[in-house]
């Protein structure tokens, strides 16, 4: 705790010096000695310290966003180097869901072909492609693959809603979204290895 308070005082003092404020700068040691000197009128001394050294205003200028700038830079460089950051691991399922929604949408829009075999959510074969197919047969299989990707995207969006909104787990809406999510993950499991451009 002492390290945190000491760091806050250092940052607040740096900010005051940088902004050329005419406040009396207060070191951590001075603050501790002032606090140790109080007797029965703790509130009065604390108020005196607040107004004398403008502690509240100095600490308020130390904003949460400025504190997180170094972490943003760290996470940005980690994503550039290895594709993910330490901050992504904090809520990994939500991070991966958002990534997969975007990548499946891009796959649907930019695909150049379809997989040779496609399965439904129960593991039953939907189709198998052959070399001697007509254009109509191939177009039908492309539509089936597009429907499968749409179902996966819908299920991933349902998973994102479940993760980010407070839903009652006994409500009909939650059950519907959970069914869509489970169906999407079953489709991905049975067709894993078929999602290529």
Protein backbone atom coordinates (compact mmCIF):
# COMPACT_ATOMS: atom_id res chain seq x y z
CA UNK A 1 0.00 0.00 0.00
CA UNK A 2 2.85 2.34 0.84
CA UNK A 3 4.36 1.80 -2.62
CA UNK A 4 1.07 2.66 -4.32
CA UNK A 5 0.58 5.85 -2.31
CA UNK A 6 4.22 6.81 -2.87
CA UNK A 7 3.80 6.29 -6.63
CA UNK A 8 0.61 8.38 -6.69
CA UNK A 9 2.39 11.24 -4.94
CA UNK A 10 5.30 11.05 -7.37
CA UNK A 11 2.99 11.11 -10.38
CA UNK A 12 0.90 13.97 -8.97
CA UNK A 13 4.03 16.01 -8.23
CA UNK A 14 5.40 15.40 -11.75
CA UNK A 15 2.09 16.53 -13.20
CA UNK A 16 2.11 19.72 -11.10
CA UNK A 17 5.67 20.57 -12.11
CA UNK A 18 4.89 19.87 -15.77
CA UNK A 19 1.78 22.08 -15.72
CA UNK A 20 3.61 24.84 -13.78
CA UNK A 21 1.11 24.93 -10.93
CA UNK A 22 2.00 27.10 -7.95
CA UNK A 23 1.18 24.42 -5.43
CA UNK A 24 3.49 23.39 -2.67
CA UNK A 25 4.86 20.00 -3.68
CA UNK A 26 4.45 17.40 -1.01
CA UNK A 27 6.67 14.37 -0.71
CA UNK A 28 5.45 11.11 0.65
CA UNK A 29 7.61 11.44 3.74
CA UNK A 30 6.16 14.90 4.49
CA UNK A 31 2.67 13.55 4.12
CA UNK A 32 3.41 10.64 6.49
CA UNK A 33 4.99 12.95 9.09
CA UNK A 34 1.98 15.32 8.91
CA UNK A 35 -0.39 12.38 9.38
CA UNK A 36 1.59 11.01 12.33
CA UNK A 37 1.37 14.37 14.11
CA UNK A 38 -2.41 14.43 14.34
CA UNK A 39 -3.95 14.00 17.75
CA UNK A 40 -7.68 14.26 18.44
CA UNK A 41 -8.64 16.47 15.51
CA UNK A 42 -7.85 14.10 12.68
CA UNK A 43 -10.58 15.51 10.41
CA UNK A 44 -9.41 19.06 10.88
CA UNK A 45 -5.82 18.19 10.09
CA UNK A 46 -6.84 16.16 7.05
CA UNK A 47 -8.93 19.05 5.73
CA UNK A 48 -6.03 21.40 6.45
CA UNK A 49 -3.73 19.13 4.47
CA UNK A 50 -6.21 18.87 1.61
CA UNK A 51 -6.52 22.63 1.22
CA UNK A 52 -2.90 23.42 2.00
CA UNK A 53 -1.43 21.02 -0.52
CA UNK A 54 -4.40 20.56 -2.88
CA UNK A 55 -4.10 16.80 -2.62
CA UNK A 56 -7.55 16.11 -3.94
CA UNK A 57 -7.15 18.18 -7.08
CA UNK A 58 -3.68 16.79 -7.74
CA UNK A 59 -4.86 13.21 -7.41
CA UNK A 60 -7.95 13.87 -9.53
CA UNK A 61 -5.75 15.04 -12.39
CA UNK A 62 -4.10 11.62 -12.34
CA UNK A 63 -6.70 9.97 -14.55
CA UNK A 64 -7.41 6.33 -15.14
CA UNK A 65 -6.92 6.73 -18.91
CA UNK A 66 -3.44 8.21 -18.52
CA UNK A 67 -2.51 5.34 -16.23
CA UNK A 68 -3.52 2.79 -18.88
CA UNK A 69 -1.58 4.33 -21.77
CA UNK A 70 1.54 2.22 -21.05
CA UNK A 71 -0.63 -0.93 -20.94
CA UNK A 72 -2.22 -0.02 -24.29
CA UNK A 73 1.22 0.32 -25.84
CA UNK A 74 2.35 -2.94 -24.26
CA UNK A 75 -0.72 -4.83 -25.51
CA UNK A 76 -0.37 -3.29 -29.00
CA UNK A 77 3.23 -4.47 -29.31
CA UNK A 78 2.36 -7.92 -27.93
CA UNK A 79 -0.40 -8.30 -30.54
CA UNK A 80 2.02 -7.24 -33.28
CA UNK A 81 4.65 -9.74 -32.15
CA UNK A 82 2.60 -12.79 -31.22
CA UNK A 83 -0.99 -12.11 -32.36
CA UNK A 84 -2.49 -11.77 -28.87
CA UNK A 85 -1.77 -9.79 -25.74
CA UNK A 86 -1.74 -10.46 -22.02
CA UNK A 87 -4.86 -8.28 -21.73
CA UNK A 88 -6.78 -10.56 -24.12
CA UNK A 89 -6.34 -13.52 -21.78
CA UNK A 90 -8.32 -11.77 -19.04
CA UNK A 91 -11.60 -12.55 -20.86
CA UNK A 92 -10.41 -15.00 -23.49
CA UNK A 93 -13.80 -16.42 -24.49
CA UNK A 94 -15.18 -12.95 -25.26
CA UNK A 95 -12.00 -11.98 -27.14
CA UNK A 96 -12.09 -15.13 -29.29
CA UNK A 97 -15.82 -14.78 -29.95
CA UNK A 98 -15.37 -11.25 -31.33
CA UNK A 99 -12.41 -12.39 -33.45
CA UNK A 100 -14.36 -15.35 -34.85
CA UNK A 101 -17.42 -13.26 -35.71
CA UNK A 102 -15.25 -10.96 -37.83
CA UNK A 103 -13.21 -13.75 -39.41
CA UNK A 104 -16.23 -15.89 -40.33
CA UNK A 105 -17.90 -12.82 -41.85
CA UNK A 106 -14.75 -12.17 -43.90
CA UNK A 107 -14.57 -15.86 -44.92
CA UNK A 108 -18.14 -15.76 -46.21
CA UNK A 109 -17.49 -12.61 -48.26
CA UNK A 110 -14.07 -13.53 -49.69
CA UNK A 111 -14.15 -17.32 -50.08
CA UNK A 112 -12.94 -18.75 -53.37
CA UNK A 113 -14.29 -22.25 -52.94
CA UNK A 114 -16.07 -24.62 -50.60
CA UNK A 115 -14.92 -27.58 -48.50
CA UNK A 116 -15.09 -31.07 -50.00
CA UNK A 117 -17.24 -32.45 -47.17
CA UNK A 118 -19.63 -30.57 -44.92
CA UNK A 119 -21.36 -31.83 -41.75
CA UNK A 120 -24.37 -30.62 -39.77
CA UNK A 121 -24.43 -30.07 -35.99
CA UNK A 122 -25.10 -33.78 -35.34
CA UNK A 123 -22.15 -34.98 -37.42
CA UNK A 124 -24.27 -36.09 -40.39
CA UNK A 125 -22.84 -35.42 -43.82
CA UNK A 126 -24.59 -32.55 -45.63
CA UNK A 127 -22.74 -32.96 -48.90
CA UNK A 128 -19.60 -34.27 -50.52
CA UNK A 129 -18.21 -32.63 -53.64
CA UNK A 130 -17.19 -34.57 -56.74
CA UNK A 131 -15.32 -33.48 -59.85
CA UNK A 132 -18.16 -34.30 -62.25
CA UNK A 133 -20.74 -31.86 -60.87
CA UNK A 134 -22.94 -29.46 -62.75
CA UNK A 135 -22.92 -25.74 -62.04
CA UNK A 136 -26.35 -25.97 -60.39
CA UNK A 137 -25.16 -28.67 -58.00
CA UNK A 138 -22.09 -26.61 -57.12
CA UNK A 139 -24.18 -23.44 -56.55
CA UNK A 140 -26.47 -25.38 -54.22
CA UNK A 141 -23.44 -26.53 -52.19
CA UNK A 142 -22.11 -22.96 -52.05
CA UNK A 143 -25.50 -21.86 -50.66
CA UNK A 144 -25.39 -24.66 -48.07
CA UNK A 145 -21.90 -23.59 -47.00
CA UNK A 146 -23.07 -19.96 -46.75
CA UNK A 147 -26.03 -21.05 -44.59
CA UNK A 148 -23.65 -22.98 -42.34
CA UNK A 149 -21.40 -19.92 -41.93
CA UNK A 150 -24.46 -17.73 -41.24
CA UNK A 151 -25.57 -20.16 -38.53
CA UNK A 152 -22.11 -20.08 -36.96
CA UNK A 153 -22.02 -16.25 -37.05
CA UNK A 154 -25.50 -16.10 -35.49
CA UNK A 155 -24.42 -18.49 -32.72
CA UNK A 156 -21.23 -16.52 -32.05
CA UNK A 157 -23.22 -13.28 -31.83
CA UNK A 158 -25.54 -15.04 -29.38
CA UNK A 159 -22.49 -16.06 -27.32
CA UNK A 160 -21.32 -12.44 -27.36
CA UNK A 161 -24.73 -11.24 -26.15
CA UNK A 162 -24.74 -13.85 -23.37
CA UNK A 163 -21.24 -12.79 -22.32
CA UNK A 164 -21.88 -9.03 -22.35
CA UNK A 165 -25.47 -8.69 -21.10
CA UNK A 166 -27.02 -9.68 -17.81
CA UNK A 167 -29.65 -12.20 -18.85
CA UNK A 168 -31.73 -14.34 -16.54
CA UNK A 169 -30.61 -17.92 -17.17
CA UNK A 170 -34.21 -19.13 -16.82
CA UNK A 171 -35.63 -16.75 -19.45
CA UNK A 172 -36.71 -17.88 -22.90
CA UNK A 173 -34.38 -15.37 -24.57
CA UNK A 174 -31.35 -16.83 -22.75
CA UNK A 175 -32.33 -20.40 -23.68
CA UNK A 176 -32.78 -19.43 -27.34
CA UNK A 177 -29.40 -17.68 -27.43
CA UNK A 178 -27.72 -20.60 -25.65
CA UNK A 179 -29.16 -23.08 -28.18
CA UNK A 180 -27.82 -20.95 -31.04
CA UNK A 181 -24.41 -20.80 -29.34
CA UNK A 182 -24.25 -24.57 -28.81
CA UNK A 183 -25.32 -25.24 -32.40
CA UNK A 184 -22.58 -22.91 -33.69
CA UNK A 185 -19.87 -24.61 -31.64
CA UNK A 186 -21.05 -28.07 -32.72
CA UNK A 187 -20.92 -26.96 -36.38
CA UNK A 188 -17.40 -25.62 -35.88
CA UNK A 189 -16.30 -28.83 -34.14
CA UNK A 190 -17.64 -31.17 -36.85
CA UNK A 191 -16.35 -28.99 -39.69
CA UNK A 192 -13.01 -28.03 -38.14
CA UNK A 193 -10.41 -28.03 -40.91
CA UNK A 194 -12.95 -26.98 -43.54
CA UNK A 195 -12.77 -23.24 -42.89
CA UNK A 196 -10.27 -22.05 -45.46
CA UNK A 197 -10.36 -19.43 -48.18
